[in-house]
Full PDB file with SEQRES, HELIX, SHEET, SSBOND, CRYST1, ORIGX, SCALE, CONECT and MASTER records, all heavy atoms in Angstrom:
SEQRES   1 A   31  GLU TYR ASN LYS VAL VAL SER LEU LEU ILE SER VAL LEU          
SEQRES   2 A   31  THR PRO PHE LEU ASN PRO PHE ILE PHE THR LEU ARG ASN          
SEQRES   3 A   31  ASP LYS VAL LYS GLU                                          
HELIX    1 AA1 TYR A    2  LEU A    8  1                                   7    
HELIX    2 AA2 LEU A    9  LEU A   13  3                                   5    
HELIX    3 AA3 THR A   14  LEU A   24  1                                  11    
HELIX    4 AA4 ASP A   27  LYS A   30  1                                   4    
CRYST1    1.000    1.000    1.000  90.00  90.00  90.00 P 1           1          
ORIGX1      1.000000  0.000000  0.000000        0.00000                         
ORIGX2      0.000000  1.000000  0.000000        0.00000                         
ORIGX3      0.000000  0.000000  1.000000        0.00000                         
SCALE1      1.000000  0.000000  0.000000        0.00000                         
SCALE2      0.000000  1.000000  0.000000        0.00000                         
SCALE3      0.000000  0.000000  1.000000        0.00000                         
ATOM      1  N   GLU A   1     -20.712  -8.420   0.887  1.00  0.00           N  
ATOM      2  CA  GLU A   1     -19.465  -9.096   0.556  1.00  0.00           C  
ATOM      3  C   GLU A   1     -18.598  -8.232  -0.326  1.00  0.00           C  
ATOM      4  O   GLU A   1     -17.391  -8.141  -0.128  1.00  0.00           O  
ATOM      5  CB  GLU A   1     -19.746 -10.443  -0.091  1.00  0.00           C  
ATOM      6  CG  GLU A   1     -20.439 -11.468   0.831  1.00  0.00           C  
ATOM      7  CD  GLU A   1     -19.735 -11.641   2.158  1.00  0.00           C  
ATOM      8  OE1 GLU A   1     -18.482 -11.757   2.159  1.00  0.00           O  
ATOM      9  OE2 GLU A   1     -20.397 -11.631   3.205  1.00  0.00           O  
ATOM     10  N   TYR A   2     -19.227  -7.591  -1.309  1.00  0.00           N  
ATOM     11  CA  TYR A   2     -18.496  -6.665  -2.188  1.00  0.00           C  
ATOM     12  C   TYR A   2     -17.904  -5.536  -1.360  1.00  0.00           C  
ATOM     13  O   TYR A   2     -16.741  -5.147  -1.519  1.00  0.00           O  
ATOM     14  CB  TYR A   2     -19.467  -6.133  -3.250  1.00  0.00           C  
ATOM     15  CG  TYR A   2     -18.968  -4.959  -4.026  1.00  0.00           C  
ATOM     16  CD1 TYR A   2     -18.230  -5.106  -5.179  1.00  0.00           C  
ATOM     17  CD2 TYR A   2     -19.271  -3.638  -3.621  1.00  0.00           C  
ATOM     18  CE1 TYR A   2     -17.743  -4.010  -5.919  1.00  0.00           C  
ATOM     19  CE2 TYR A   2     -18.837  -2.564  -4.341  1.00  0.00           C  
ATOM     20  CZ  TYR A   2     -18.073  -2.746  -5.486  1.00  0.00           C  
ATOM     21  OH  TYR A   2     -17.638  -1.646  -6.185  1.00  0.00           O  
ATOM     22  N   ASN A   3     -18.722  -5.015  -0.440  1.00  0.00           N  
ATOM     23  CA  ASN A   3     -18.319  -3.899   0.427  1.00  0.00           C  
ATOM     24  C   ASN A   3     -17.112  -4.288   1.286  1.00  0.00           C  
ATOM     25  O   ASN A   3     -16.172  -3.508   1.462  1.00  0.00           O  
ATOM     26  CB  ASN A   3     -19.507  -3.514   1.316  1.00  0.00           C  
ATOM     27  CG  ASN A   3     -19.398  -2.082   1.791  1.00  0.00           C  
ATOM     28  OD1 ASN A   3     -18.295  -1.537   1.914  1.00  0.00           O  
ATOM     29  ND2 ASN A   3     -20.507  -1.461   2.066  1.00  0.00           N  
ATOM     30  N   LYS A   4     -17.149  -5.501   1.821  1.00  0.00           N  
ATOM     31  CA  LYS A   4     -16.054  -5.985   2.682  1.00  0.00           C  
ATOM     32  C   LYS A   4     -14.739  -6.067   1.907  1.00  0.00           C  
ATOM     33  O   LYS A   4     -13.663  -5.696   2.421  1.00  0.00           O  
ATOM     34  CB  LYS A   4     -16.398  -7.355   3.284  1.00  0.00           C  
ATOM     35  CG  LYS A   4     -17.469  -7.306   4.368  1.00  0.00           C  
ATOM     36  CD  LYS A   4     -17.757  -8.685   4.890  1.00  0.00           C  
ATOM     37  CE  LYS A   4     -18.960  -8.706   5.815  1.00  0.00           C  
ATOM     38  NZ  LYS A   4     -19.294 -10.066   6.271  1.00  0.00           N  
ATOM     39  N   VAL A   5     -14.810  -6.601   0.711  1.00  0.00           N  
ATOM     40  CA  VAL A   5     -13.595  -6.801  -0.100  1.00  0.00           C  
ATOM     41  C   VAL A   5     -12.945  -5.454  -0.415  1.00  0.00           C  
ATOM     42  O   VAL A   5     -11.743  -5.250  -0.220  1.00  0.00           O  
ATOM     43  CB  VAL A   5     -13.910  -7.548  -1.411  1.00  0.00           C  
ATOM     44  CG1 VAL A   5     -12.693  -7.553  -2.332  1.00  0.00           C  
ATOM     45  CG2 VAL A   5     -14.324  -8.999  -1.090  1.00  0.00           C  
ATOM     46  N   VAL A   6     -13.760  -4.472  -0.879  1.00  0.00           N  
ATOM     47  CA  VAL A   6     -13.233  -3.166  -1.213  1.00  0.00           C  
ATOM     48  C   VAL A   6     -12.714  -2.454   0.045  1.00  0.00           C  
ATOM     49  O   VAL A   6     -11.692  -1.771  -0.019  1.00  0.00           O  
ATOM     50  CB  VAL A   6     -14.285  -2.307  -1.930  1.00  0.00           C  
ATOM     51  CG1 VAL A   6     -13.734  -0.941  -2.303  1.00  0.00           C  
ATOM     52  CG2 VAL A   6     -14.780  -3.005  -3.194  1.00  0.00           C  
ATOM     53  N   SER A   7     -13.420  -2.621   1.155  1.00  0.00           N  
ATOM     54  CA  SER A   7     -12.973  -1.991   2.418  1.00  0.00           C  
ATOM     55  C   SER A   7     -11.636  -2.571   2.870  1.00  0.00           C  
ATOM     56  O   SER A   7     -10.797  -1.877   3.426  1.00  0.00           O  
ATOM     57  CB  SER A   7     -14.034  -2.222   3.508  1.00  0.00           C  
ATOM     58  OG  SER A   7     -15.247  -1.561   3.185  1.00  0.00           O  
ATOM     59  N   LEU A   8     -11.425  -3.878   2.638  1.00  0.00           N  
ATOM     60  CA  LEU A   8     -10.126  -4.501   2.963  1.00  0.00           C  
ATOM     61  C   LEU A   8      -9.009  -3.905   2.127  1.00  0.00           C  
ATOM     62  O   LEU A   8      -7.903  -3.676   2.618  1.00  0.00           O  
ATOM     63  CB  LEU A   8     -10.211  -6.013   2.761  1.00  0.00           C  
ATOM     64  CG  LEU A   8     -10.873  -6.824   3.857  1.00  0.00           C  
ATOM     65  CD1 LEU A   8     -10.991  -8.294   3.420  1.00  0.00           C  
ATOM     66  CD2 LEU A   8     -10.103  -6.738   5.154  1.00  0.00           C  
ATOM     67  N   LEU A   9      -9.309  -3.640   0.848  1.00  0.00           N  
ATOM     68  CA  LEU A   9      -8.299  -3.053  -0.022  1.00  0.00           C  
ATOM     69  C   LEU A   9      -7.906  -1.671   0.486  1.00  0.00           C  
ATOM     70  O   LEU A   9      -6.728  -1.290   0.486  1.00  0.00           O  
ATOM     71  CB  LEU A   9      -8.845  -2.920  -1.459  1.00  0.00           C  
ATOM     72  CG  LEU A   9      -9.079  -4.229  -2.224  1.00  0.00           C  
ATOM     73  CD1 LEU A   9      -9.697  -3.928  -3.585  1.00  0.00           C  
ATOM     74  CD2 LEU A   9      -7.781  -5.012  -2.410  1.00  0.00           C  
ATOM     75  N   ILE A  10      -8.899  -0.899   0.940  1.00  0.00           N  
ATOM     76  CA  ILE A  10      -8.640   0.490   1.401  1.00  0.00           C  
ATOM     77  C   ILE A  10      -7.951   0.495   2.762  1.00  0.00           C  
ATOM     78  O   ILE A  10      -6.959   1.236   2.967  1.00  0.00           O  
ATOM     79  CB  ILE A  10      -9.974   1.280   1.506  1.00  0.00           C  
ATOM     80  CG1 ILE A  10     -10.577   1.439   0.107  1.00  0.00           C  
ATOM     81  CG2 ILE A  10      -9.730   2.660   2.147  1.00  0.00           C  
ATOM     82  CD1 ILE A  10     -12.000   1.998   0.147  1.00  0.00           C  
ATOM     83  N   SER A  11      -8.420  -0.328   3.694  1.00  0.00           N  
ATOM     84  CA  SER A  11      -7.935  -0.209   5.080  1.00  0.00           C  
ATOM     85  C   SER A  11      -6.793  -1.149   5.420  1.00  0.00           C  
ATOM     86  O   SER A  11      -6.098  -0.945   6.440  1.00  0.00           O  
ATOM     87  CB  SER A  11      -9.106  -0.501   6.046  1.00  0.00           C  
ATOM     88  OG  SER A  11      -9.624  -1.820   5.838  1.00  0.00           O  
ATOM     89  N   VAL A  12      -6.530  -2.151   4.573  1.00  0.00           N  
ATOM     90  CA  VAL A  12      -5.470  -3.127   4.872  1.00  0.00           C  
ATOM     91  C   VAL A  12      -4.375  -3.103   3.772  1.00  0.00           C  
ATOM     92  O   VAL A  12      -3.214  -2.904   4.064  1.00  0.00           O  
ATOM     93  CB  VAL A  12      -6.035  -4.545   5.053  1.00  0.00           C  
ATOM     94  CG1 VAL A  12      -4.891  -5.533   5.316  1.00  0.00           C  
ATOM     95  CG2 VAL A  12      -7.001  -4.605   6.183  1.00  0.00           C  
ATOM     96  N   LEU A  13      -4.805  -3.338   2.527  1.00  0.00           N  
ATOM     97  CA  LEU A  13      -3.818  -3.530   1.475  1.00  0.00           C  
ATOM     98  C   LEU A  13      -3.104  -2.228   1.073  1.00  0.00           C  
ATOM     99  O   LEU A  13      -1.877  -2.224   0.960  1.00  0.00           O  
ATOM    100  CB  LEU A  13      -4.499  -4.158   0.240  1.00  0.00           C  
ATOM    101  CG  LEU A  13      -3.549  -4.563  -0.902  1.00  0.00           C  
ATOM    102  CD1 LEU A  13      -2.553  -5.614  -0.423  1.00  0.00           C  
ATOM    103  CD2 LEU A  13      -4.337  -5.078  -2.095  1.00  0.00           C  
ATOM    104  N   THR A  14      -3.856  -1.176   0.850  1.00  0.00           N  
ATOM    105  CA  THR A  14      -3.224   0.108   0.433  1.00  0.00           C  
ATOM    106  C   THR A  14      -2.216   0.620   1.443  1.00  0.00           C  
ATOM    107  O   THR A  14      -1.101   0.991   1.081  1.00  0.00           O  
ATOM    108  CB  THR A  14      -4.298   1.163   0.103  1.00  0.00           C  
ATOM    109  OG1 THR A  14      -5.204   0.629  -0.863  1.00  0.00           O  
ATOM    110  CG2 THR A  14      -3.666   2.429  -0.442  1.00  0.00           C  
ATOM    111  N   PRO A  15      -2.578   0.726   2.765  1.00  0.00           N  
ATOM    112  CA  PRO A  15      -1.553   1.158   3.730  1.00  0.00           C  
ATOM    113  C   PRO A  15      -0.366   0.224   3.811  1.00  0.00           C  
ATOM    114  O   PRO A  15       0.746   0.699   4.060  1.00  0.00           O  
ATOM    115  CB  PRO A  15      -2.360   1.143   5.079  1.00  0.00           C  
ATOM    116  CG  PRO A  15      -3.773   1.282   4.668  1.00  0.00           C  
ATOM    117  CD  PRO A  15      -3.896   0.548   3.388  1.00  0.00           C  
ATOM    118  N   PHE A  16      -0.607  -1.076   3.583  1.00  0.00           N  
ATOM    119  CA  PHE A  16       0.492  -2.063   3.595  1.00  0.00           C  
ATOM    120  C   PHE A  16       1.441  -1.802   2.424  1.00  0.00           C  
ATOM    121  O   PHE A  16       2.684  -1.910   2.576  1.00  0.00           O  
ATOM    122  CB  PHE A  16      -0.086  -3.476   3.489  1.00  0.00           C  
ATOM    123  CG  PHE A  16       0.929  -4.560   3.293  1.00  0.00           C  
ATOM    124  CD1 PHE A  16       1.673  -5.030   4.377  1.00  0.00           C  
ATOM    125  CD2 PHE A  16       1.127  -5.115   2.042  1.00  0.00           C  
ATOM    126  CE1 PHE A  16       2.617  -6.032   4.181  1.00  0.00           C  
ATOM    127  CE2 PHE A  16       2.051  -6.113   1.828  1.00  0.00           C  
ATOM    128  CZ  PHE A  16       2.809  -6.590   2.923  1.00  0.00           C  
ATOM    129  N   LEU A  17       0.909  -1.460   1.250  1.00  0.00           N  
ATOM    130  CA  LEU A  17       1.740  -1.264   0.071  1.00  0.00           C  
ATOM    131  C   LEU A  17       2.462   0.079   0.064  1.00  0.00           C  
ATOM    132  O   LEU A  17       3.507   0.215  -0.620  1.00  0.00           O  
ATOM    133  CB  LEU A  17       0.867  -1.361  -1.196  1.00  0.00           C  
ATOM    134  CG  LEU A  17       0.299  -2.740  -1.532  1.00  0.00           C  
ATOM    135  CD1 LEU A  17      -0.635  -2.638  -2.730  1.00  0.00           C  
ATOM    136  CD2 LEU A  17       1.398  -3.748  -1.790  1.00  0.00           C  
ATOM    137  N   ASN A  18       1.942   1.046   0.793  1.00  0.00           N  
ATOM    138  CA  ASN A  18       2.505   2.422   0.764  1.00  0.00           C  
ATOM    139  C   ASN A  18       4.018   2.451   0.988  1.00  0.00           C  
ATOM    140  O   ASN A  18       4.749   3.061   0.156  1.00  0.00           O  
ATOM    141  CB  ASN A  18       1.807   3.294   1.804  1.00  0.00           C  
ATOM    142  CG  ASN A  18       2.358   4.697   1.834  1.00  0.00           C  
ATOM    143  OD1 ASN A  18       2.427   5.389   0.833  1.00  0.00           O  
ATOM    144  ND2 ASN A  18       2.803   5.133   2.997  1.00  0.00           N  
ATOM    145  N   PRO A  19       4.590   1.818   2.051  1.00  0.00           N  
ATOM    146  CA  PRO A  19       6.043   1.882   2.219  1.00  0.00           C  
ATOM    147  C   PRO A  19       6.832   1.257   1.056  1.00  0.00           C  
ATOM    148  O   PRO A  19       7.904   1.750   0.687  1.00  0.00           O  
ATOM    149  CB  PRO A  19       6.270   1.090   3.508  1.00  0.00           C  
ATOM    150  CG  PRO A  19       4.955   1.089   4.195  1.00  0.00           C  
ATOM    151  CD  PRO A  19       3.952   1.068   3.119  1.00  0.00           C  
ATOM    152  N   PHE A  20       6.290   0.176   0.471  1.00  0.00           N  
ATOM    153  CA  PHE A  20       6.995  -0.488  -0.635  1.00  0.00           C  
ATOM    154  C   PHE A  20       6.935   0.337  -1.903  1.00  0.00           C  
ATOM    155  O   PHE A  20       7.931   0.455  -2.631  1.00  0.00           O  
ATOM    156  CB  PHE A  20       6.380  -1.861  -0.889  1.00  0.00           C  
ATOM    157  CG  PHE A  20       6.474  -2.783   0.306  1.00  0.00           C  
ATOM    158  CD1 PHE A  20       5.345  -2.996   1.128  1.00  0.00           C  
ATOM    159  CD2 PHE A  20       7.646  -3.413   0.641  1.00  0.00           C  
ATOM    160  CE1 PHE A  20       5.411  -3.839   2.210  1.00  0.00           C  
ATOM    161  CE2 PHE A  20       7.728  -4.260   1.744  1.00  0.00           C  
ATOM    162  CZ  PHE A  20       6.630  -4.452   2.530  1.00  0.00           C  
ATOM    163  N   ILE A  21       5.781   0.976  -2.157  1.00  0.00           N  
ATOM    164  CA  ILE A  21       5.621   1.820  -3.368  1.00  0.00           C  
ATOM    165  C   ILE A  21       6.608   2.976  -3.328  1.00  0.00           C  
ATOM    166  O   ILE A  21       7.256   3.313  -4.304  1.00  0.00           O  
ATOM    167  CB  ILE A  21       4.180   2.307  -3.495  1.00  0.00           C  
ATOM    168  CG1 ILE A  21       3.249   1.135  -3.818  1.00  0.00           C  
ATOM    169  CG2 ILE A  21       4.085   3.373  -4.613  1.00  0.00           C  
ATOM    170  CD1 ILE A  21       1.752   1.495  -3.760  1.00  0.00           C  
ATOM    171  N   PHE A  22       6.721   3.621  -2.145  1.00  0.00           N  
ATOM    172  CA  PHE A  22       7.500   4.840  -2.041  1.00  0.00           C  
ATOM    173  C   PHE A  22       8.973   4.583  -1.689  1.00  0.00           C  
ATOM    174  O   PHE A  22       9.768   5.555  -1.706  1.00  0.00           O  
ATOM    175  CB  PHE A  22       6.896   5.789  -1.022  1.00  0.00           C  
ATOM    176  CG  PHE A  22       5.699   6.512  -1.557  1.00  0.00           C  
ATOM    177  CD1 PHE A  22       4.393   6.078  -1.276  1.00  0.00           C  
ATOM    178  CD2 PHE A  22       5.828   7.631  -2.370  1.00  0.00           C  
ATOM    179  CE1 PHE A  22       3.303   6.742  -1.779  1.00  0.00           C  
ATOM    180  CE2 PHE A  22       4.730   8.296  -2.887  1.00  0.00           C  
ATOM    181  CZ  PHE A  22       3.469   7.844  -2.588  1.00  0.00           C  
ATOM    182  N   THR A  23       9.358   3.365  -1.375  1.00  0.00           N  
ATOM    183  CA  THR A  23      10.780   3.091  -1.087  1.00  0.00           C  
ATOM    184  C   THR A  23      11.464   2.300  -2.215  1.00  0.00           C  
ATOM    185  O   THR A  23      12.592   2.647  -2.603  1.00  0.00           O  
ATOM    186  CB  THR A  23      10.948   2.334   0.241  1.00  0.00           C  
ATOM    187  OG1 THR A  23      10.180   1.117   0.188  1.00  0.00           O  
ATOM    188  CG2 THR A  23      10.491   3.143   1.406  1.00  0.00           C  
ATOM    189  N   LEU A  24      10.782   1.268  -2.728  1.00  0.00           N  
ATOM    190  CA  LEU A  24      11.413   0.409  -3.742  1.00  0.00           C  
ATOM    191  C   LEU A  24      11.649   1.154  -5.035  1.00  0.00           C  
ATOM    192  O   LEU A  24      12.549   0.807  -5.816  1.00  0.00           O  
ATOM    193  CB  LEU A  24      10.556  -0.844  -3.961  1.00  0.00           C  
ATOM    194  CG  LEU A  24      10.413  -1.777  -2.784  1.00  0.00           C  
ATOM    195  CD1 LEU A  24       9.512  -2.967  -3.159  1.00  0.00           C  
ATOM    196  CD2 LEU A  24      11.772  -2.274  -2.285  1.00  0.00           C  
ATOM    197  N   ARG A  25      10.867   2.194  -5.322  1.00  0.00           N  
ATOM    198  CA  ARG A  25      10.993   2.953  -6.577  1.00  0.00           C  
ATOM    199  C   ARG A  25      11.678   4.272  -6.383  1.00  0.00           C  
ATOM    200  O   ARG A  25      11.697   5.109  -7.285  1.00  0.00           O  
ATOM    201  CB  ARG A  25       9.630   3.150  -7.217  1.00  0.00           C  
ATOM    202  CG  ARG A  25       8.923   1.853  -7.620  1.00  0.00           C  
ATOM    203  CD  ARG A  25       7.695   2.169  -8.434  1.00  0.00           C  
ATOM    204  NE  ARG A  25       8.077   2.858  -9.678  1.00  0.00           N  
ATOM    205  CZ  ARG A  25       8.443   2.277 -10.792  1.00  0.00           C  
ATOM    206  NH1 ARG A  25       8.528   0.957 -10.865  1.00  0.00           N  
ATOM    207  NH2 ARG A  25       8.781   2.964 -11.863  1.00  0.00           N  
ATOM    208  N   ASN A  26      12.221   4.525  -5.187  1.00  0.00           N  
ATOM    209  CA  ASN A  26      12.799   5.834  -4.896  1.00  0.00           C  
ATOM    210  C   ASN A  26      14.219   5.671  -4.374  1.00  0.00           C  
ATOM    211  O   ASN A  26      14.422   5.177  -3.258  1.00  0.00           O  
ATOM    212  CB  ASN A  26      11.936   6.565  -3.877  1.00  0.00           C  
ATOM    213  CG  ASN A  26      12.290   8.032  -3.748  1.00  0.00           C  
ATOM    214  OD1 ASN A  26      13.440   8.374  -3.465  1.00  0.00           O  
ATOM    215  ND2 ASN A  26      11.324   8.903  -3.957  1.00  0.00           N  
ATOM    216  N   ASP A  27      15.196   6.043  -5.186  1.00  0.00           N  
ATOM    217  CA  ASP A  27      16.608   5.846  -4.807  1.00  0.00           C  
ATOM    218  C   ASP A  27      16.999   6.685  -3.566  1.00  0.00           C  
ATOM    219  O   ASP A  27      17.799   6.246  -2.752  1.00  0.00           O  
ATOM    220  CB  ASP A  27      17.522   6.233  -5.975  1.00  0.00           C  
ATOM    221  CG  ASP A  27      17.375   5.255  -7.151  1.00  0.00           C  
ATOM    222  OD1 ASP A  27      17.032   4.094  -6.874  1.00  0.00           O  
ATOM    223  OD2 ASP A  27      17.570   5.662  -8.294  1.00  0.00           O  
ATOM    224  N   LYS A  28      16.461   7.907  -3.461  1.00  0.00           N  
ATOM    225  CA  LYS A  28      16.809   8.749  -2.313  1.00  0.00           C  
ATOM    226  C   LYS A  28      16.336   8.143  -1.004  1.00  0.00           C  
ATOM    227  O   LYS A  28      17.042   8.148  -0.009  1.00  0.00           O  
ATOM    228  CB  LYS A  28      16.179  10.141  -2.480  1.00  0.00           C  
ATOM    229  CG  LYS A  28      17.039  11.099  -3.295  1.00  0.00           C  
ATOM    230  CD  LYS A  28      16.484  12.519  -3.145  1.00  0.00           C  
ATOM    231  CE  LYS A  28      17.408  13.508  -3.874  1.00  0.00           C  
ATOM    232  NZ  LYS A  28      16.897  14.890  -3.729  1.00  0.00           N  
ATOM    233  N   VAL A  29      15.123   7.592  -1.013  1.00  0.00           N  
ATOM    234  CA  VAL A  29      14.564   6.963   0.206  1.00  0.00           C  
ATOM    235  C   VAL A  29      15.376   5.724   0.550  1.00  0.00           C  
ATOM    236  O   VAL A  29      15.692   5.501   1.721  1.00  0.00           O  
ATOM    237  CB  VAL A  29      13.089   6.611   0.023  1.00  0.00           C  
ATOM    238  CG1 VAL A  29      12.551   5.853   1.231  1.00  0.00           C  
ATOM    239  CG2 VAL A  29      12.248   7.891  -0.189  1.00  0.00           C  
ATOM    240  N   LYS A  30      15.723   4.912  -0.464  1.00  0.00           N  
ATOM    241  CA  LYS A  30      16.515   3.707  -0.202  1.00  0.00           C  
ATOM    242  C   LYS A  30      17.889   4.075   0.353  1.00  0.00           C  
ATOM    243  O   LYS A  30      18.401   3.427   1.293  1.00  0.00           O  
ATOM    244  CB  LYS A  30      16.689   2.889  -1.481  1.00  0.00           C  
ATOM    245  CG  LYS A  30      15.407   2.160  -1.897  1.00  0.00           C  
ATOM    246  CD  LYS A  30      15.653   1.194  -3.024  1.00  0.00           C  
ATOM    247  CE  LYS A  30      15.748   1.894  -4.360  1.00  0.00           C  
ATOM    248  NZ  LYS A  30      15.808   0.944  -5.495  1.00  0.00           N  
ATOM    249  N   GLU A  31      18.501   5.136  -0.200  1.00  0.00           N  
ATOM    250  CA  GLU A  31      19.821   5.564   0.299  1.00  0.00           C  
ATOM    251  C   GLU A  31      19.687   6.093   1.728  1.00  0.00           C  
ATOM    252  O   GLU A  31      20.562   5.780   2.579  1.00  0.00           O  
ATOM    253  CB  GLU A  31      20.363   6.663  -0.631  1.00  0.00           C  
ATOM    254  CG  GLU A  31      21.808   7.049  -0.266  1.00  0.00           C  
ATOM    255  CD  GLU A  31      22.336   8.128  -1.214  1.00  0.00           C  
ATOM    256  OE1 GLU A  31      21.750   8.341  -2.306  1.00  0.00           O  
ATOM    257  OE2 GLU A  31      23.331   8.772  -0.841  1.00  0.00           O  
TER     258      GLU A  31                                                      
MASTER        0    0    0    4    0    0    0    6  257    1    0    3          
END                                                                             
């Protein structure tokens, strides 16, 4: 169960957050 939770963070949550992390905090990308 521990393994599944951490694997979800790596394979689902982190790739999902990547566009938001690098666009919402970057004026050049937003422009």
